[in-house]
Amino acid sequence: MNITAEDRNGKTLLFVREERLDANNSGDLKEYLKRLLEAEAKAVIIDLSMVSFIDSSGLGALLSGYKNANLHQGSLVLHGLQPRVQSMFELTRLQRVFDIYLSQQEALDHIEGGKHS
């Protein structure tokens, strides 16, 4: 799976550089997030702007990351969802669980305004 990470003033920007987030690669994302959060990352912002398709496995990987972030007193937010991906979040009502932002700056502002600044 093509994932890159960037530190921005103590916040981790995670870029998922895949068109699909599904059963073929969601395990990689789940494991990556687990290791990242165990390594003391407290604020993770995931850029999904390149992902045009997500299935239940992809949603599960993100949900696992969200739970791990909460377990480690951190936060995990999303941004850049394409319409089809946004529809999957709405269909499963996961938009009620995740903080989802249109832009990276909005996500950074949220994180910096929260308890993890």
Foldseek 3Di string as FASTA:
>chain_A
DDWDWDDDPLAIEIEDQDQECEPVCLVVLLVVLLVVVVVPRAHYEYECQNHNYYDPSNVVSVVSSQVSNVVSNHHYAYENDDPNRVVVCVVVVVCVVHHYDHDPVVSVVVCVPDPND
